[in-house]
Amino acid sequence: MRDRIWKWPLAGLAAGMVTGLFGGGGGLILVTLFLRWLGLEEKRAFASSVAVIFPICLLSVAASWFRGSLDLAAALPYLAGGLAGGWLGGRLFSSASPLFLRRCFAVFLIYGGLRWIL
């Protein structure tokens, strides 16, 4: 346990920097590290990542707000759908198999990567 303690703040730092720089993606870092470093089961890794990312996202929003780079009027229309999607995803999560979650996650990563490249 003591040999892992130094990894925890580094994982949080990496997730926070990715989220702050790109507006998201820190959870990807955390899920990977939770699986590899802590040996968490996949569903626990996904859920734990969400618990860590939430406050990181709040801090990123605050930093963007104070810098004047947040367009709240553009973001607010997406909030209702995002909240509904988060609730629905959380409900589906409990019954989804780890294999299904892994495949969905991979599809989203591939799609996002291709969109950035093309």
Protein backbone atom coordinates (compact mmCIF):
# COMPACT_ATOMS: atom_id res chain seq x y z
CA MET A 1 0.00 0.00 0.00
CA ARG A 2 2.74 2.47 0.93
CA ASP A 3 4.49 1.90 -2.39
CA ARG A 4 1.39 3.21 -4.20
CA ILE A 5 0.75 6.35 -2.18
CA TRP A 6 2.97 8.53 -4.39
CA LYS A 7 1.02 7.40 -7.47
CA TRP A 8 -2.31 8.75 -6.26
CA PRO A 9 -1.52 12.48 -6.46
CA LEU A 10 0.27 11.94 -9.78
CA ALA A 11 -2.82 10.27 -11.23
CA GLY A 12 -4.99 13.13 -9.98
CA LEU A 13 -2.55 15.69 -11.37
CA ALA A 14 -2.58 14.03 -14.79
CA ALA A 15 -6.38 13.78 -14.83
CA GLY A 16 -6.79 17.38 -13.72
CA MET A 17 -4.35 18.70 -16.32
CA VAL A 18 -5.99 16.77 -19.15
CA THR A 19 -9.46 17.91 -18.08
CA GLY A 20 -8.32 21.50 -17.65
CA LEU A 21 -6.46 21.63 -20.97
CA PHE A 22 -8.95 19.79 -23.16
CA GLY A 23 -12.26 20.21 -21.34
CA GLY A 24 -12.48 16.50 -20.62
CA GLY A 25 -10.64 13.24 -20.91
CA GLY A 26 -9.20 13.08 -17.43
CA GLY A 27 -11.45 10.15 -16.65
CA LEU A 28 -9.71 8.16 -19.35
CA ILE A 29 -6.43 8.62 -17.51
CA LEU A 30 -8.00 7.66 -14.19
CA VAL A 31 -9.78 4.55 -15.46
CA THR A 32 -6.54 3.27 -16.95
CA LEU A 33 -4.56 3.96 -13.79
CA PHE A 34 -7.24 2.55 -11.49
CA LEU A 35 -7.15 -0.67 -13.50
CA ARG A 36 -3.37 -0.94 -13.71
CA TRP A 37 -2.09 0.60 -10.49
CA LEU A 38 -4.85 -0.32 -8.09
CA GLY A 39 -6.15 -3.44 -9.78
CA LEU A 40 -9.74 -2.26 -9.48
CA GLU A 41 -12.44 -4.21 -11.24
CA GLU A 42 -13.61 -2.37 -14.38
CA LYS A 43 -16.98 -1.16 -13.11
CA ARG A 44 -15.37 0.16 -9.92
CA ALA A 45 -12.70 1.91 -11.99
CA PHE A 46 -15.33 3.66 -14.16
CA ALA A 47 -17.46 4.68 -11.18
CA SER A 48 -14.47 5.84 -9.14
CA SER A 49 -13.26 7.90 -12.07
CA VAL A 50 -16.58 9.75 -12.21
CA ALA A 51 -16.33 10.51 -8.48
CA VAL A 52 -12.89 12.07 -8.97
CA ILE A 53 -13.65 13.88 -12.22
CA PHE A 54 -16.72 15.71 -10.89
CA PRO A 55 -14.81 18.07 -8.55
CA ILE A 56 -12.02 18.42 -11.12
CA CYS A 57 -14.60 19.57 -13.66
CA LEU A 58 -16.02 22.07 -11.18
CA LEU A 59 -12.56 23.56 -10.67
CA SER A 60 -11.98 23.71 -14.43
CA VAL A 61 -15.29 25.54 -14.88
CA ALA A 62 -14.34 28.02 -12.16
CA ALA A 63 -10.93 28.64 -13.75
CA SER A 64 -12.53 29.20 -17.16
CA TRP A 65 -15.13 31.50 -15.63
CA PHE A 66 -12.52 33.67 -13.88
CA ARG A 67 -10.34 33.82 -17.02
CA GLY A 68 -13.37 34.97 -18.99
CA SER A 69 -13.18 32.10 -21.47
CA LEU A 70 -16.44 30.39 -20.44
CA ASP A 71 -19.43 30.99 -22.72
CA LEU A 72 -22.17 30.05 -20.30
CA ALA A 73 -24.95 30.96 -22.75
CA ALA A 74 -23.54 28.46 -25.24
CA ALA A 75 -23.09 25.75 -22.62
CA LEU A 76 -26.42 25.95 -20.77
CA PRO A 77 -28.63 24.49 -23.53
CA TYR A 78 -26.60 21.29 -23.33
CA LEU A 79 -27.00 20.99 -19.57
CA ALA A 80 -30.49 19.43 -19.54
CA GLY A 81 -29.49 16.77 -22.05
CA GLY A 82 -26.21 16.16 -20.26
CA LEU A 83 -27.94 15.71 -16.92
CA ALA A 84 -30.51 13.36 -18.45
CA GLY A 85 -27.76 11.42 -20.21
CA GLY A 86 -25.73 11.16 -17.02
CA TRP A 87 -28.75 9.87 -15.11
CA LEU A 88 -29.64 7.38 -17.84
CA GLY A 89 -26.04 6.24 -18.21
CA GLY A 90 -25.79 5.74 -14.46
CA ARG A 91 -28.95 3.62 -14.50
CA LEU A 92 -27.75 1.51 -17.43
CA PHE A 93 -24.28 1.17 -15.91
CA SER A 94 -25.46 -1.10 -13.11
CA SER A 95 -26.83 -3.69 -15.53
CA ALA A 96 -24.18 -3.42 -18.28
CA SER A 97 -21.51 -6.09 -18.53
CA PRO A 98 -17.86 -5.08 -18.26
CA LEU A 99 -17.30 -6.38 -21.81
CA PHE A 100 -20.10 -4.17 -23.16
CA LEU A 101 -18.71 -1.14 -21.31
CA ARG A 102 -15.20 -1.82 -22.60
CA ARG A 103 -16.43 -2.10 -26.18
CA CYS A 104 -18.54 1.06 -25.97
CA PHE A 105 -15.61 2.92 -24.45
CA ALA A 106 -13.34 1.71 -27.27
CA VAL A 107 -15.84 2.79 -29.95
CA PHE A 108 -16.07 6.28 -28.47
CA LEU A 109 -12.27 6.55 -28.26
CA ILE A 110 -11.80 5.42 -31.85
CA TYR A 111 -14.55 7.73 -33.09
CA GLY A 112 -13.11 10.70 -31.20
CA GLY A 113 -9.59 9.97 -32.41
CA LEU A 114 -10.70 9.70 -36.03
CA ARG A 115 -12.67 12.95 -35.79
CA TRP A 116 -9.55 14.76 -34.55
CA ILE A 117 -7.32 13.23 -37.21
CA LEU A 118 -9.71 13.71 -40.12
